[in-house]
């Protein structure tokens, strides 16, 4: 298992990677400000911010960071979300859009 972006594995647990955590906060702040996932990925690539594997950012990778509860200190398995033992990087959670009825 590899650690998600923003974290490192240490003794079987997740520990915040300070440099990557700044990028996670930047991504969430941009999304909270209404920027699109594509716009965020493009800015990260323009600024030459590498992914954990040293590659370019994609819209899907940005989506995963914005929507993954792990960044808010929770663990997610199937449809179950529980409080994790790791430190949260952000407290903001994206709003779910309501479907028109």
N, C-alpha and C. Protein backbone atom coordinates (compact mmCIF):
# COMPACT_ATOMS: atom_id res chain seq x y z
N UNK A 1 0.83 -1.18 0.00
CA UNK A 1 0.00 0.00 0.00
C UNK A 1 0.88 1.24 0.00
N UNK A 2 0.50 2.21 -0.79
CA UNK A 2 1.23 3.47 -0.79
C UNK A 2 0.37 4.55 -0.13
N UNK A 3 1.03 5.54 0.40
CA UNK A 3 0.32 6.62 1.08
C UNK A 3 -0.31 7.56 0.05
N UNK A 4 -1.48 8.10 0.36
CA UNK A 4 -2.09 9.07 -0.55
C UNK A 4 -1.27 10.36 -0.56
N UNK A 5 -1.44 11.14 -1.63
CA UNK A 5 -0.76 12.42 -1.73
C UNK A 5 -1.07 13.24 -0.48
N UNK A 6 -0.05 13.86 0.10
CA UNK A 6 -0.22 14.65 1.31
C UNK A 6 0.22 13.92 2.57
N UNK A 7 0.41 12.61 2.43
CA UNK A 7 0.80 11.78 3.57
C UNK A 7 1.97 10.87 3.21
N UNK A 8 2.66 10.43 4.25
CA UNK A 8 3.68 9.38 4.15
C UNK A 8 3.27 8.27 5.11
N UNK A 9 3.76 7.07 4.87
CA UNK A 9 3.53 5.97 5.79
C UNK A 9 4.67 5.92 6.79
N UNK A 10 4.33 5.80 8.07
CA UNK A 10 5.33 5.70 9.12
C UNK A 10 4.82 4.73 10.16
N UNK A 11 5.51 3.62 10.32
CA UNK A 11 5.12 2.59 11.28
C UNK A 11 3.67 2.17 11.10
N UNK A 12 3.26 2.01 9.85
CA UNK A 12 1.92 1.53 9.53
C UNK A 12 0.83 2.58 9.61
N UNK A 13 1.18 3.82 9.91
CA UNK A 13 0.18 4.88 10.00
C UNK A 13 0.49 6.01 9.03
N UNK A 14 -0.47 6.90 8.86
CA UNK A 14 -0.31 8.04 7.97
C UNK A 14 0.23 9.24 8.73
N UNK A 15 1.26 9.87 8.17
CA UNK A 15 1.86 11.06 8.75
C UNK A 15 1.83 12.14 7.67
N UNK A 16 1.47 13.36 8.05
CA UNK A 16 1.37 14.46 7.09
C UNK A 16 2.74 14.80 6.52
N UNK A 17 2.79 14.91 5.18
CA UNK A 17 3.97 15.40 4.47
C UNK A 17 3.72 16.90 4.27
N UNK A 18 4.50 17.74 4.94
CA UNK A 18 4.23 19.19 4.98
C UNK A 18 4.17 19.82 3.59
N UNK A 19 5.08 19.50 2.71
CA UNK A 19 5.10 20.11 1.38
C UNK A 19 3.88 19.69 0.57
N UNK A 20 3.54 18.42 0.60
CA UNK A 20 2.37 17.93 -0.13
C UNK A 20 1.09 18.45 0.50
N UNK A 21 1.05 18.59 1.81
CA UNK A 21 -0.13 19.10 2.50
C UNK A 21 -0.44 20.53 2.05
N UNK A 22 0.60 21.34 1.80
CA UNK A 22 0.38 22.70 1.30
C UNK A 22 -0.33 22.66 -0.05
N UNK A 23 0.03 21.69 -0.89
CA UNK A 23 -0.60 21.56 -2.21
C UNK A 23 -2.05 21.12 -2.04
N UNK A 24 -2.32 20.19 -1.13
CA UNK A 24 -3.69 19.75 -0.86
C UNK A 24 -4.53 20.95 -0.42
N UNK A 25 -4.00 21.76 0.47
CA UNK A 25 -4.73 22.95 0.93
C UNK A 25 -4.97 23.93 -0.21
N UNK A 26 -3.99 24.07 -1.08
CA UNK A 26 -4.13 24.95 -2.25
C UNK A 26 -5.24 24.44 -3.17
N UNK A 27 -5.25 23.14 -3.41
CA UNK A 27 -6.28 22.54 -4.27
C UNK A 27 -7.67 22.79 -3.69
N UNK A 28 -7.83 22.54 -2.39
CA UNK A 28 -9.14 22.72 -1.75
C UNK A 28 -9.55 24.19 -1.71
N UNK A 29 -8.60 25.08 -1.50
CA UNK A 29 -8.92 26.51 -1.50
C UNK A 29 -9.38 26.96 -2.88
N UNK A 30 -8.72 26.49 -3.92
CA UNK A 30 -9.13 26.85 -5.29
C UNK A 30 -10.52 26.31 -5.59
N UNK A 31 -10.78 25.10 -5.18
CA UNK A 31 -12.09 24.50 -5.44
C UNK A 31 -13.18 25.24 -4.66
N UNK A 32 -12.88 25.57 -3.43
CA UNK A 32 -13.82 26.32 -2.59
C UNK A 32 -14.11 27.69 -3.21
N UNK A 33 -13.12 28.25 -3.92
CA UNK A 33 -13.29 29.55 -4.58
C UNK A 33 -14.02 29.42 -5.92
N UNK A 34 -14.40 28.18 -6.28
CA UNK A 34 -15.20 27.99 -7.49
C UNK A 34 -14.41 27.62 -8.74
N UNK A 35 -13.13 27.36 -8.61
CA UNK A 35 -12.32 26.99 -9.76
C UNK A 35 -12.65 25.55 -10.17
N UNK A 36 -12.57 25.28 -11.46
CA UNK A 36 -12.87 23.93 -11.96
C UNK A 36 -11.70 23.00 -11.67
N UNK A 37 -11.98 21.71 -11.69
CA UNK A 37 -10.93 20.71 -11.48
C UNK A 37 -9.86 20.83 -12.56
N UNK A 38 -10.28 21.06 -13.81
CA UNK A 38 -9.34 21.20 -14.93
C UNK A 38 -8.46 22.43 -14.74
N UNK A 39 -9.06 23.52 -14.26
CA UNK A 39 -8.29 24.75 -14.03
C UNK A 39 -7.23 24.50 -12.97
N UNK A 40 -7.61 23.83 -11.89
CA UNK A 40 -6.67 23.54 -10.81
C UNK A 40 -5.53 22.67 -11.31
N UNK A 41 -5.84 21.61 -12.04
CA UNK A 41 -4.79 20.73 -12.57
C UNK A 41 -3.85 21.50 -13.49
N UNK A 42 -4.40 22.36 -14.33
CA UNK A 42 -3.58 23.15 -15.25
C UNK A 42 -2.63 24.08 -14.49
N UNK A 43 -3.12 24.73 -13.41
CA UNK A 43 -2.26 25.63 -12.63
C UNK A 43 -1.14 24.85 -11.95
N UNK A 44 -1.47 23.69 -11.39
CA UNK A 44 -0.42 22.88 -10.75
C UNK A 44 0.64 22.47 -11.76
N UNK A 45 0.22 22.09 -12.96
CA UNK A 45 1.16 21.70 -14.00
C UNK A 45 1.98 22.90 -14.48
N UNK A 46 1.34 24.05 -14.62
CA UNK A 46 2.07 25.26 -15.01
C UNK A 46 3.12 25.63 -13.98
N UNK A 47 2.80 25.43 -12.72
CA UNK A 47 3.73 25.74 -11.63
C UNK A 47 4.73 24.60 -11.38
N UNK A 48 4.65 23.57 -12.20
CA UNK A 48 5.54 22.40 -12.12
C UNK A 48 5.51 21.72 -10.75
N UNK A 49 4.31 21.60 -10.22
CA UNK A 49 4.11 20.86 -8.97
C UNK A 49 3.92 19.40 -9.36
N UNK A 50 4.81 18.51 -8.96
CA UNK A 50 4.66 17.10 -9.35
C UNK A 50 3.67 16.36 -8.46
N UNK A 51 3.10 15.30 -9.00
CA UNK A 51 2.28 14.39 -8.20
C UNK A 51 3.23 13.56 -7.33
N UNK A 52 2.69 12.70 -6.53
CA UNK A 52 3.52 11.85 -5.67
C UNK A 52 4.49 11.00 -6.49
N UNK A 53 4.06 10.61 -7.69
CA UNK A 53 4.91 9.78 -8.55
C UNK A 53 5.71 10.62 -9.55
N UNK A 54 5.71 11.95 -9.37
CA UNK A 54 6.51 12.82 -10.21
C UNK A 54 5.91 13.10 -11.58
N UNK A 55 4.63 12.90 -11.70
CA UNK A 55 3.96 13.10 -12.99
C UNK A 55 3.16 14.38 -12.99
N UNK A 56 2.45 14.61 -14.11
CA UNK A 56 1.58 15.77 -14.26
C UNK A 56 0.22 15.50 -13.63
N UNK A 57 -0.43 16.55 -13.19
CA UNK A 57 -1.74 16.44 -12.58
C UNK A 57 -2.82 16.25 -13.63
N UNK A 58 -3.82 15.46 -13.28
CA UNK A 58 -4.99 15.28 -14.12
C UNK A 58 -6.22 15.74 -13.34
N UNK A 59 -7.29 15.96 -14.06
CA UNK A 59 -8.55 16.35 -13.42
C UNK A 59 -8.99 15.29 -12.43
N UNK A 60 -8.81 14.04 -12.79
CA UNK A 60 -9.23 12.94 -11.90
C UNK A 60 -8.46 12.95 -10.59
N UNK A 61 -7.15 13.23 -10.64
CA UNK A 61 -6.36 13.28 -9.42
C UNK A 61 -6.83 14.41 -8.51
N UNK A 62 -7.13 15.56 -9.09
CA UNK A 62 -7.62 16.69 -8.31
C UNK A 62 -8.98 16.33 -7.70
N UNK A 63 -9.85 15.70 -8.47
CA UNK A 63 -11.15 15.26 -7.97
C UNK A 63 -10.99 14.37 -6.75
N UNK A 64 -10.07 13.43 -6.84
CA UNK A 64 -9.86 12.50 -5.73
C UNK A 64 -9.42 13.21 -4.45
N UNK A 65 -8.59 14.22 -4.59
CA UNK A 65 -8.16 14.97 -3.41
C UNK A 65 -9.31 15.76 -2.83
N UNK A 66 -10.07 16.42 -3.67
CA UNK A 66 -11.19 17.24 -3.20
C UNK A 66 -12.25 16.39 -2.50
N UNK A 67 -12.51 15.19 -3.00
CA UNK A 67 -13.62 14.38 -2.49
C UNK A 67 -13.24 13.27 -1.52
N UNK A 68 -11.97 13.03 -1.31
CA UNK A 68 -11.55 11.94 -0.44
C UNK A 68 -11.59 12.37 1.03
N UNK A 69 -12.39 11.70 1.86
CA UNK A 69 -12.49 12.08 3.27
C UNK A 69 -11.20 11.87 4.07
N UNK A 70 -10.23 11.20 3.51
CA UNK A 70 -8.97 10.97 4.22
C UNK A 70 -8.30 12.30 4.55
N UNK A 71 -8.47 13.30 3.68
CA UNK A 71 -7.85 14.61 3.91
C UNK A 71 -8.53 15.39 5.02
N UNK A 72 -9.71 14.93 5.43
CA UNK A 72 -10.44 15.55 6.54
C UNK A 72 -10.33 14.70 7.81
N UNK A 73 -9.39 13.75 7.81
CA UNK A 73 -9.13 12.95 9.00
C UNK A 73 -9.98 11.72 9.15
N UNK A 74 -10.66 11.32 8.08
CA UNK A 74 -11.53 10.14 8.14
C UNK A 74 -11.02 9.05 7.21
N UNK A 75 -11.50 7.85 7.45
CA UNK A 75 -11.18 6.72 6.59
C UNK A 75 -12.45 6.31 5.86
N UNK A 76 -12.31 5.84 4.64
CA UNK A 76 -13.46 5.49 3.80
C UNK A 76 -13.26 4.09 3.24
N UNK A 77 -14.23 3.25 3.46
CA UNK A 77 -14.21 1.91 2.89
C UNK A 77 -15.61 1.58 2.44
N UNK A 78 -15.76 1.32 1.16
CA UNK A 78 -17.07 1.13 0.52
C UNK A 78 -17.94 2.34 0.84
N UNK A 79 -19.06 2.18 1.50
CA UNK A 79 -19.92 3.32 1.83
C UNK A 79 -19.79 3.77 3.28
N UNK A 80 -18.78 3.28 3.97
CA UNK A 80 -18.61 3.58 5.39
C UNK A 80 -17.46 4.59 5.57
N UNK A 81 -17.73 5.66 6.28
CA UNK A 81 -16.72 6.67 6.61
C UNK A 81 -16.62 6.74 8.13
N UNK A 82 -15.40 6.54 8.65
CA UNK A 82 -15.18 6.59 10.10
C UNK A 82 -14.02 7.53 10.40
N UNK A 83 -13.96 7.99 11.61
CA UNK A 83 -12.87 8.86 12.06
C UNK A 83 -11.58 8.06 12.04
N UNK A 84 -10.54 8.63 11.43
CA UNK A 84 -9.24 7.98 11.37
C UNK A 84 -8.36 8.36 12.55
N UNK A 85 -7.20 7.76 12.60
CA UNK A 85 -6.25 8.08 13.66
C UNK A 85 -5.18 9.05 13.15
N UNK A 86 -5.25 9.41 11.88
CA UNK A 86 -4.29 10.33 11.30
C UNK A 86 -4.79 11.78 11.38
N UNK A 87 -3.85 12.72 11.21
CA UNK A 87 -4.17 14.13 11.26
C UNK A 87 -4.84 14.58 9.98
N UNK A 88 -5.85 15.40 10.08
CA UNK A 88 -6.52 15.97 8.92
C UNK A 88 -5.63 17.06 8.31
N UNK A 89 -5.72 17.22 7.00
CA UNK A 89 -5.00 18.30 6.32
C UNK A 89 -5.94 19.49 6.11
N UNK A 90 -7.20 19.22 5.80
CA UNK A 90 -8.20 20.27 5.60
C UNK A 90 -9.46 19.94 6.40
N UNK A 91 -10.27 20.95 6.63
CA UNK A 91 -11.55 20.72 7.30
C UNK A 91 -12.71 20.93 6.33
N UNK A 92 -12.46 21.59 5.23
CA UNK A 92 -13.49 21.87 4.23
C UNK A 92 -13.92 20.61 3.50
N UNK A 93 -15.20 20.48 3.28
CA UNK A 93 -15.74 19.36 2.50
C UNK A 93 -16.59 19.93 1.37
N UNK A 94 -16.46 19.39 0.16
CA UNK A 94 -17.28 19.90 -0.94
C UNK A 94 -18.75 19.63 -0.70
N UNK A 95 -19.58 20.54 -1.15
CA UNK A 95 -21.02 20.34 -1.03
C UNK A 95 -21.49 19.41 -2.11
N UNK A 96 -22.44 18.60 -1.75
CA UNK A 96 -23.07 17.72 -2.74
C UNK A 96 -24.12 18.52 -3.47
N UNK A 97 -24.10 18.40 -4.77
CA UNK A 97 -25.11 19.09 -5.56
C UNK A 97 -26.41 18.31 -5.56
N UNK A 98 -27.48 19.01 -5.39
CA UNK A 98 -28.79 18.35 -5.43
C UNK A 98 -29.22 18.19 -6.86
N UNK A 99 -29.78 17.05 -7.13
CA UNK A 99 -30.32 16.80 -8.47
C UNK A 99 -31.71 17.40 -8.57
N UNK A 100 -32.02 18.02 -9.69
CA UNK A 100 -33.37 18.57 -9.83
C UNK A 100 -34.42 17.45 -9.81
N UNK A 101 -35.55 17.75 -9.20
CA UNK A 101 -36.62 16.74 -9.12
C UNK A 101 -37.68 17.00 -10.13
